[in-house]
Amino acid sequence: MSETRKKAGSGTYFITGYPGFIGKRLVEHIAREDPKGHIFALVQPKALKEAQKHASRLKGATVELLTGDVVDMHLGLSGEEYQRLCERVTDIFHLAAVAQLGVPKDTAWRVNVDGTRNMLELARDCERLSRFNHFSTCYVSGDRVGVIAEDELDRGQGFRNPYEETKFQAERLVMRASATLPVTIFRPSSVVGDSRTGEIDKFEGPYYLGILLVTSPLVVPLPLPGNGVAPLNVVPVDFVVDAVLRLSKDPRAAGRTFHLVDPNPMSARRVYELIAEKANKKLPRFNLSARAADVMLRLPVLEKLARPQRAAISYVNHLAIYNCHNTLELLDGTGVRCPPLSAYLDQLVTYVREQYRKRREGSEVEDPLDHGPATEREDGGAAAARSGH
C-alpha cells in the first residue's frame, strides 16, 4: 500500500456486479467509510438506469459508472476508461457472476471463468493495486461432505450444477494469480436478507425454500425434503459486506481465503420448524425424499411458487461443515460477527410476508415468486441460490 494512501485514507475502488444485491450494499458502505474515495462501478447497459438511480442517492465517495461487461475484451471499456482504471485503482472487488443454479454451462463459464480471467488481466495492469478481492462461494466444495477448510479447494470433488463448477474454476484462476497479485478470496454461504430489515431482492435458495414450504397457499405446510439433520448455513447480507470491507483493509488477509458463514448453523429441520412456528403451522412429522419433494413441487398449485427453489433442494440435506478459522481469527476484536439466524429470523419472515401482502393488494411491486429460471446476472440485480452472491 502506498504511503500517500496511508496518509490520505482514501482509495480508488473498482467494483463489478453493480447494481446487484451485494454490489449495492458494498458501494453504499465504501461511500460512507471512505467519503473522499472514488468508486468506479462496472455496469451492464441493461442495468444502467437502476445503477444511476441508486448512485444518485449515495452520500460520501464519488461514484462513477462505467458501462461495460466482464465478458468483453478490456471489459467493454474505451481505451481511455481502461487506462484511467490502470493508473488509479487501489482496490478491486469482483462480484459479477451468473449465480443461477440452472443456468447453461457455457453461459456460466463465459461470465464466471472468462470474466474472472479478464478481471485478473486488469489487476495486473493496475499500478497502485493494494488488493484484488474475489467473491467466490463456499459451494466450490461441490459434493464434498464433512469439515471443509478455507485453504482447501481442489479435492477431486464433483459438482451438482454449472454454478458450482464455474465458480470453482474461477477460484483456481485467482489462486494461481495470487503468486504475483495481492489477492483475497471470500466464500459466503447462502446470502439472505439484511439482519436488521429483512430486505432481500429475490426469494431463492434453500432458506427461502423453507419460507415457501410453510407459507404456501396449502393449509398444511409441506414436509421437509429429506431428514433435515444437515446444517443450513445462511449469512445476512450486512454481515457479508461488513466482513469483506474489514478484511479487504487488513494486510494479514492478503493471500488468504475466508469462509463467510455462520460458525454455529442450525439444522435445516430446526430452521424450518422455527419458520413454521412463526406461520402458526406445524411441520408434518414425516419427511420426503429429495426426489419426492422435487415431484411434489411440480404440482400445479406449487409449480409457480417453486420454480426457482427446486434446484436448491440438494442443499437442504448436504452434510458439509464450513470451517471459518481465518474469518474468526481476523475479525476477532472488530465487533464484526455473523449473528445467529434465530436473532433475525423474524425480520426475514416479516419482510417476505410484507411482499406477499403488497402483491395481493395489487401494489406496484415485482412479484417475488413470479420469475422463472432466468439467466440474469448479479450485476443486473438478480440473485441466485445466493450461494455466494
Protein backbone atom coordinates (compact mmCIF):
# COMPACT_ATOMS: atom_id res chain seq x y z
CA MET A 1 0.00 0.00 0.00
CA SER A 2 1.49 3.35 -0.97
CA GLU A 3 2.48 5.91 1.70
CA THR A 4 0.19 8.50 0.10
CA ARG A 5 -2.81 6.25 0.54
CA LYS A 6 -1.95 5.52 4.16
CA LYS A 7 -1.92 9.23 4.91
CA ALA A 8 -4.96 10.20 2.89
CA GLY A 9 -7.00 7.20 3.95
CA SER A 10 -8.85 7.38 0.66
CA GLY A 11 -8.81 4.78 -2.08
CA THR A 12 -9.94 4.32 -5.64
CA TYR A 13 -12.22 1.33 -5.92
CA PHE A 14 -13.36 -0.72 -8.89
CA ILE A 15 -16.46 -2.84 -8.37
CA THR A 16 -18.17 -5.31 -10.69
CA GLY A 17 -21.60 -6.76 -10.03
CA TYR A 18 -23.28 -3.37 -9.55
CA PRO A 19 -26.20 -2.76 -9.04
CA GLY A 20 -26.65 -6.33 -7.77
CA PHE A 21 -27.90 -7.01 -4.26
CA ILE A 22 -24.48 -7.28 -2.59
CA GLY A 23 -22.87 -4.80 -5.00
CA LYS A 24 -25.28 -2.04 -3.96
CA ARG A 25 -24.61 -2.66 -0.27
CA LEU A 26 -20.87 -2.69 -0.85
CA VAL A 27 -20.89 0.61 -2.75
CA GLU A 28 -23.05 2.23 -0.03
CA HIS A 29 -20.67 1.03 2.67
CA ILE A 30 -17.50 2.18 0.88
CA ALA A 31 -19.06 5.58 0.10
CA ARG A 32 -19.80 6.02 3.81
CA GLU A 33 -16.49 4.67 5.14
CA ASP A 34 -14.24 6.48 2.67
CA PRO A 35 -16.05 9.76 1.86
CA LYS A 36 -13.02 11.14 -0.01
CA GLY A 37 -12.66 7.99 -2.09
CA HIS A 38 -13.60 7.39 -5.71
CA ILE A 39 -15.67 4.38 -6.76
CA PHE A 40 -15.72 3.12 -10.34
CA ALA A 41 -18.60 0.68 -10.88
CA LEU A 42 -18.87 -1.51 -13.97
CA VAL A 43 -22.50 -1.66 -15.09
CA GLN A 44 -24.12 -3.69 -17.85
CA PRO A 45 -26.02 -1.43 -20.28
CA LYS A 46 -29.37 -3.03 -19.36
CA ALA A 47 -28.82 -2.18 -15.68
CA LEU A 48 -27.64 1.40 -16.21
CA LYS A 49 -30.92 3.10 -15.24
CA GLU A 50 -31.16 1.19 -11.98
CA ALA A 51 -27.48 1.92 -11.25
CA GLN A 52 -27.93 5.64 -11.93
CA LYS A 53 -30.98 5.79 -9.67
CA HIS A 54 -29.13 4.06 -6.82
CA ALA A 55 -25.88 6.00 -7.24
CA SER A 56 -27.70 9.35 -7.27
CA ARG A 57 -28.89 8.76 -3.70
CA LEU A 58 -25.46 7.97 -2.25
CA LYS A 59 -23.61 10.31 0.06
CA GLY A 60 -19.85 10.32 0.55
CA ALA A 61 -17.41 9.00 -2.03
CA THR A 62 -17.72 9.92 -5.70
CA VAL A 63 -19.36 7.11 -7.70
CA GLU A 64 -18.55 6.91 -11.41
CA LEU A 65 -20.49 4.43 -13.53
CA LEU A 66 -18.70 2.75 -16.44
CA THR A 67 -20.81 0.85 -18.97
CA GLY A 68 -19.31 -2.48 -19.92
CA ASP A 69 -19.25 -6.20 -19.28
CA VAL A 70 -16.68 -8.51 -17.69
CA VAL A 71 -17.02 -10.97 -20.59
CA ASP A 72 -15.75 -8.46 -23.18
CA MET A 73 -12.15 -7.66 -24.02
CA HIS A 74 -10.93 -4.82 -21.79
CA LEU A 75 -14.34 -5.21 -20.08
CA GLY A 76 -16.00 -3.41 -22.99
CA LEU A 77 -14.47 -0.10 -21.88
CA SER A 78 -12.91 2.58 -24.05
CA GLY A 79 -9.12 2.79 -24.14
CA GLU A 80 -9.23 5.99 -22.09
CA GLU A 81 -11.51 4.46 -19.42
CA TYR A 82 -9.36 1.33 -19.13
CA GLN A 83 -6.21 3.41 -18.83
CA ARG A 84 -7.71 5.53 -16.04
CA LEU A 85 -8.52 2.38 -14.09
CA CYS A 86 -4.97 1.07 -14.55
CA GLU A 87 -3.49 4.33 -13.29
CA ARG A 88 -5.79 4.94 -10.32
CA VAL A 89 -7.40 1.82 -8.88
CA THR A 90 -6.19 0.66 -5.46
CA ASP A 91 -8.88 -1.90 -4.59
CA ILE A 92 -10.83 -4.26 -6.86
CA PHE A 93 -13.98 -6.07 -5.73
CA HIS A 94 -15.02 -8.66 -8.30
CA LEU A 95 -18.65 -9.65 -7.69
CA ALA A 96 -20.10 -10.02 -11.19
CA ALA A 97 -21.26 -13.59 -11.79
CA VAL A 98 -24.01 -15.77 -13.15
CA ALA A 99 -25.31 -17.36 -9.99
CA GLN A 100 -28.47 -19.20 -11.03
CA LEU A 101 -28.19 -22.92 -10.29
CA GLY A 102 -29.92 -23.99 -13.52
CA VAL A 103 -28.09 -21.76 -15.99
CA PRO A 104 -26.47 -23.43 -19.07
CA LYS A 105 -22.81 -24.27 -18.53
CA ASP A 106 -21.48 -22.22 -21.45
CA THR A 107 -23.22 -19.08 -20.15
CA ALA A 108 -21.92 -19.63 -16.62
CA TRP A 109 -18.41 -20.34 -17.95
CA ARG A 110 -18.28 -17.18 -20.04
CA VAL A 111 -19.18 -14.90 -17.15
CA ASN A 112 -17.74 -16.72 -14.15
CA VAL A 113 -14.48 -18.06 -15.61
CA ASP A 114 -13.68 -15.90 -18.65
CA GLY A 115 -14.96 -12.79 -16.83
CA THR A 116 -12.66 -13.51 -13.89
CA ARG A 117 -9.72 -14.02 -16.27
CA ASN A 118 -10.42 -10.59 -17.79
CA MET A 119 -10.55 -9.02 -14.33
CA LEU A 120 -7.20 -10.55 -13.39
CA GLU A 121 -5.69 -9.08 -16.56
CA LEU A 122 -6.88 -5.65 -15.47
CA ALA A 123 -5.49 -6.25 -11.96
CA ARG A 124 -2.03 -6.99 -13.38
CA ASP A 125 -2.13 -3.65 -15.20
CA CYS A 126 -3.18 -1.64 -12.11
CA GLU A 127 -0.08 0.26 -10.98
CA ARG A 128 -1.37 1.11 -7.48
CA LEU A 129 -3.28 -2.08 -6.65
CA SER A 130 -3.30 -2.95 -2.96
CA ARG A 131 -5.91 -5.76 -3.10
CA PHE A 132 -7.89 -7.90 -5.54
CA ASN A 133 -10.99 -9.09 -3.64
CA HIS A 134 -12.68 -12.04 -5.32
CA PHE A 135 -16.21 -13.15 -4.42
CA SER A 136 -16.37 -16.91 -4.67
CA THR A 137 -18.77 -19.22 -2.78
CA CYS A 138 -18.35 -21.93 -0.18
CA TYR A 139 -20.13 -24.22 -2.66
CA VAL A 140 -16.91 -24.56 -4.68
CA SER A 141 -16.63 -27.61 -2.41
CA GLY A 142 -19.24 -29.26 -4.66
CA ASP A 143 -20.41 -32.63 -3.39
CA ARG A 144 -17.81 -32.93 -0.62
CA VAL A 145 -19.12 -33.76 2.85
CA GLY A 146 -17.63 -33.34 6.31
CA VAL A 147 -15.46 -30.47 7.50
CA ILE A 148 -14.16 -28.20 4.72
CA ALA A 149 -11.25 -25.87 5.44
CA GLU A 150 -10.66 -22.43 3.96
CA ASP A 151 -7.30 -23.41 2.46
CA GLU A 152 -8.81 -26.39 0.61
CA LEU A 153 -10.02 -26.08 -2.97
CA ASP A 154 -9.34 -28.98 -5.31
CA ARG A 155 -10.05 -32.24 -3.50
CA GLY A 156 -11.35 -34.17 -6.51
CA GLN A 157 -14.96 -33.18 -5.75
CA GLY A 158 -17.83 -33.45 -8.21
CA PHE A 159 -20.27 -30.61 -8.87
CA ARG A 160 -24.05 -30.51 -8.70
CA ASN A 161 -24.54 -27.72 -11.22
CA PRO A 162 -22.59 -25.41 -13.59
CA TYR A 163 -22.66 -22.62 -10.99
CA GLU A 164 -20.52 -24.60 -8.53
CA GLU A 165 -18.19 -25.87 -11.24
CA THR A 166 -17.55 -22.50 -12.88
CA LYS A 167 -17.03 -20.72 -9.56
CA PHE A 168 -14.51 -23.45 -8.69
CA GLN A 169 -12.67 -22.92 -11.98
CA ALA A 170 -12.70 -19.13 -11.44
CA GLU A 171 -11.24 -19.56 -7.97
CA ARG A 172 -8.46 -21.73 -9.41
CA LEU A 173 -7.51 -18.84 -11.71
CA VAL A 174 -7.46 -16.41 -8.77
CA MET A 175 -5.39 -18.79 -6.64
CA ARG A 176 -2.79 -19.07 -9.43
CA ALA A 177 -2.72 -15.28 -9.80
CA SER A 178 -2.09 -14.88 -6.07
CA ALA A 179 1.57 -15.75 -6.71
CA THR A 180 2.02 -12.27 -8.20
CA LEU A 181 -1.07 -10.31 -7.06
CA PRO A 182 -2.35 -9.30 -3.58
CA VAL A 183 -5.47 -11.49 -3.61
CA THR A 184 -8.18 -12.18 -1.02
CA ILE A 185 -10.89 -14.76 -1.71
CA PHE A 186 -14.29 -14.65 0.01
CA ARG A 187 -16.57 -17.68 0.13
CA PRO A 188 -20.01 -16.79 1.53
CA SER A 189 -22.62 -19.48 2.14
CA SER A 190 -26.23 -18.70 1.13
CA VAL A 191 -26.67 -14.94 1.49
CA VAL A 192 -30.07 -13.92 2.85
CA GLY A 193 -31.70 -10.61 3.74
CA ASP A 194 -30.47 -7.82 5.98
CA SER A 195 -30.41 -8.89 9.64
CA ARG A 196 -31.98 -5.58 10.68
CA THR A 197 -34.61 -5.01 7.99
CA GLY A 198 -35.01 -8.43 6.36
CA GLU A 199 -34.64 -6.81 2.93
CA ILE A 200 -33.73 -9.15 0.05
CA ASP A 201 -34.19 -8.73 -3.70
CA LYS A 202 -35.15 -12.26 -4.79
CA PHE A 203 -36.55 -15.17 -2.86
CA GLU A 204 -34.40 -18.12 -3.87
CA GLY A 205 -32.21 -20.80 -2.36
CA PRO A 206 -32.63 -23.32 0.46
CA TYR A 207 -33.63 -20.80 3.12
CA TYR A 208 -36.38 -19.24 1.02
CA LEU A 209 -37.49 -22.71 0.04
CA GLY A 210 -38.20 -23.10 3.75
CA ILE A 211 -40.30 -19.95 3.91
CA LEU A 212 -42.27 -21.04 0.85
CA LEU A 213 -42.90 -24.55 2.15
CA VAL A 214 -44.56 -23.24 5.29
CA THR A 215 -46.24 -20.11 3.94
CA SER A 216 -47.57 -21.77 0.80
CA PRO A 217 -51.28 -21.49 -0.02
CA LEU A 218 -51.79 -25.04 1.21
CA VAL A 219 -53.45 -25.31 4.60
CA VAL A 220 -50.94 -27.92 5.72
CA PRO A 221 -47.28 -27.00 5.28
CA LEU A 222 -45.27 -29.29 3.06
CA PRO A 223 -42.96 -31.83 4.65
CA LEU A 224 -39.26 -31.12 4.72
CA PRO A 225 -37.23 -32.60 1.87
CA GLY A 226 -35.02 -35.29 3.45
CA ASN A 227 -34.40 -35.73 7.17
CA GLY A 228 -33.19 -32.19 7.81
CA VAL A 229 -30.24 -33.08 10.06
CA ALA A 230 -27.68 -31.26 7.87
CA PRO A 231 -26.75 -27.70 8.84
CA LEU A 232 -28.47 -24.97 6.82
CA ASN A 233 -25.79 -22.32 6.58
CA VAL A 234 -27.03 -18.83 5.80
CA VAL A 235 -25.48 -15.39 6.32
CA PRO A 236 -27.16 -11.97 6.31
CA VAL A 237 -26.01 -9.56 3.61
CA ASP A 238 -24.97 -6.87 6.11
CA PHE A 239 -22.51 -9.26 7.79
CA VAL A 240 -21.03 -10.23 4.40
CA VAL A 241 -20.41 -6.61 3.41
CA ASP A 242 -19.04 -5.61 6.84
CA ALA A 243 -16.67 -8.59 6.90
CA VAL A 244 -15.47 -8.10 3.32
CA LEU A 245 -14.64 -4.43 3.82
CA ARG A 246 -12.89 -5.06 7.11
CA LEU A 247 -10.80 -7.92 5.71
CA SER A 248 -10.03 -6.09 2.46
CA LYS A 249 -8.18 -3.48 4.52
CA ASP A 250 -6.34 -5.97 6.74
CA PRO A 251 -2.78 -6.65 5.47
CA ARG A 252 -2.94 -10.13 7.07
CA ALA A 253 -5.80 -11.10 4.72
CA ALA A 254 -3.71 -10.86 1.55
CA GLY A 255 -3.14 -14.30 0.04
CA ARG A 256 -5.84 -15.93 2.18
CA THR A 257 -9.33 -17.37 1.73
CA PHE A 258 -12.26 -16.70 4.07
CA HIS A 259 -15.45 -18.66 4.64
CA LEU A 260 -18.16 -16.08 5.37
CA VAL A 261 -20.51 -18.47 7.11
CA ASP A 262 -22.48 -18.97 10.31
CA PRO A 263 -19.97 -20.67 12.65
CA ASN A 264 -22.84 -22.35 14.53
CA PRO A 265 -25.57 -23.11 11.97
CA MET A 266 -28.87 -24.72 12.92
CA SER A 267 -30.08 -27.89 11.24
CA ALA A 268 -32.40 -27.49 8.27
CA ARG A 269 -35.20 -29.11 10.30
CA ARG A 270 -34.79 -26.65 13.18
CA VAL A 271 -34.84 -23.69 10.78
CA TYR A 272 -37.99 -25.00 9.09
CA GLU A 273 -39.65 -25.60 12.47
CA LEU A 274 -38.94 -22.02 13.55
CA ILE A 275 -40.36 -20.66 10.29
CA ALA A 276 -43.44 -22.86 10.70
CA GLU A 277 -43.95 -21.61 14.27
CA LYS A 278 -43.95 -18.04 13.00
CA ALA A 279 -46.59 -19.01 10.44
CA ASN A 280 -48.64 -20.75 13.18
CA LYS A 281 -48.24 -24.08 11.44
CA LYS A 282 -46.62 -27.35 12.38
CA LEU A 283 -44.26 -29.21 10.12
CA PRO A 284 -45.51 -32.71 9.31
CA ARG A 285 -43.60 -35.34 11.26
CA PHE A 286 -42.79 -37.35 8.14
CA ASN A 287 -40.13 -36.41 5.61
CA LEU A 288 -40.00 -36.63 1.85
CA SER A 289 -37.01 -37.85 -0.09
CA ALA A 290 -35.38 -35.09 -2.12
CA ARG A 291 -36.72 -36.74 -5.27
CA ALA A 292 -40.29 -36.93 -3.93
CA ALA A 293 -40.06 -33.28 -2.84
CA ASP A 294 -38.99 -32.31 -6.36
CA VAL A 295 -42.01 -34.15 -7.78
CA MET A 296 -44.37 -32.51 -5.28
CA LEU A 297 -43.02 -29.05 -6.11
CA ARG A 298 -44.06 -29.63 -9.72
CA LEU A 299 -47.74 -29.89 -8.77
CA PRO A 300 -49.77 -27.10 -10.43
CA VAL A 301 -50.65 -25.32 -7.16
CA LEU A 302 -46.97 -25.11 -6.21
CA GLU A 303 -45.20 -25.03 -9.55
CA LYS A 304 -45.23 -21.26 -9.81
CA LEU A 305 -44.10 -20.93 -6.21
CA ALA A 306 -41.30 -23.39 -6.57
CA ARG A 307 -39.64 -22.92 -9.94
CA PRO A 308 -36.50 -21.15 -8.64
CA GLN A 309 -36.48 -23.27 -5.49
CA ARG A 310 -36.32 -26.76 -6.93
CA ALA A 311 -32.63 -26.57 -7.69
CA ALA A 312 -31.99 -25.66 -4.04
CA ILE A 313 -33.36 -28.93 -2.66
CA SER A 314 -29.96 -30.64 -2.89
CA TYR A 315 -28.56 -28.04 -0.47
CA VAL A 316 -31.05 -28.81 2.30
CA ASN A 317 -29.57 -32.22 3.11
CA HIS A 318 -25.90 -31.74 2.36
CA LEU A 319 -23.67 -32.62 5.32
CA ALA A 320 -20.94 -30.07 4.70
CA ILE A 321 -19.46 -28.11 7.62
CA TYR A 322 -17.53 -24.98 6.62
CA ASN A 323 -14.68 -24.23 8.99
CA CYS A 324 -14.14 -20.45 9.29
CA HIS A 325 -10.93 -20.25 11.33
CA ASN A 326 -9.37 -17.48 9.17
CA THR A 327 -12.50 -15.34 9.36
CA LEU A 328 -12.88 -15.70 13.14
CA GLU A 329 -9.18 -15.02 13.70
CA LEU A 330 -9.00 -11.79 11.69
CA LEU A 331 -12.39 -10.42 12.75
CA ASP A 332 -11.71 -11.06 16.43
CA GLY A 333 -12.00 -7.79 18.34
CA THR A 334 -13.52 -5.84 15.42
CA GLY A 335 -17.14 -6.22 16.52
CA VAL A 336 -17.99 -7.80 13.15
CA ARG A 337 -19.54 -11.23 13.61
CA CYS A 338 -22.21 -13.34 11.95
CA PRO A 339 -25.39 -13.21 14.03
CA PRO A 340 -27.26 -16.49 14.62
CA LEU A 341 -30.23 -16.95 12.30
CA SER A 342 -32.57 -17.14 15.31
CA ALA A 343 -31.69 -13.50 16.11
CA TYR A 344 -33.01 -12.13 12.80
CA LEU A 345 -35.43 -14.75 11.51
CA ASP A 346 -38.40 -12.56 12.49
CA GLN A 347 -37.16 -9.74 10.27
CA LEU A 348 -36.68 -12.07 7.30
CA VAL A 349 -40.12 -13.67 7.59
CA THR A 350 -41.82 -10.29 8.16
CA TYR A 351 -40.20 -8.87 5.04
CA VAL A 352 -41.32 -11.82 2.89
CA ARG A 353 -44.88 -11.63 4.25
CA GLU A 354 -44.99 -7.89 3.58
CA GLN A 355 -44.00 -8.52 -0.03
CA TYR A 356 -46.80 -11.11 -0.35
CA ARG A 357 -49.28 -8.65 1.18
CA LYS A 358 -48.34 -5.90 -1.28
CA ARG A 359 -48.65 -8.37 -4.10
CA ARG A 360 -52.11 -9.47 -3.01
CA GLU A 361 -53.24 -5.87 -2.72
CA GLY A 362 -52.06 -5.25 -6.26
CA SER A 363 -49.40 -2.73 -5.35
CA GLU A 364 -46.79 -1.93 -7.94
CA VAL A 365 -44.37 -4.45 -6.54
CA GLU A 366 -42.48 -7.04 -8.53
CA ASP A 367 -43.93 -10.45 -7.80
CA PRO A 368 -41.14 -12.07 -5.76
CA LEU A 369 -42.30 -15.53 -6.81
CA ASP A 370 -43.07 -14.91 -10.45
CA HIS A 371 -39.76 -15.36 -12.16
CA GLY A 372 -38.63 -18.44 -13.98
CA PRO A 373 -35.15 -19.84 -14.48
CA ALA A 374 -33.72 -16.50 -15.54
CA THR A 375 -30.16 -16.01 -16.68
CA GLU A 376 -29.94 -12.54 -15.23
CA ARG A 377 -26.65 -11.63 -13.70
CA GLU A 378 -25.72 -10.37 -10.28
CA ASP A 379 -24.80 -7.09 -11.92
CA GLY A 380 -28.36 -6.85 -13.24
CA GLY A 381 -29.88 -7.15 -9.80
CA ALA A 382 -30.97 -10.81 -9.76
CA ALA A 383 -29.63 -13.29 -7.28
CA ALA A 384 -29.11 -16.99 -7.17
CA ALA A 385 -29.46 -19.70 -4.70
CA ARG A 386 -27.49 -16.87 -3.25
CA SER A 387 -24.64 -19.26 -2.95
CA GLY A 388 -22.18 -16.58 -2.58
CA HIS A 389 -23.66 -13.70 -4.41
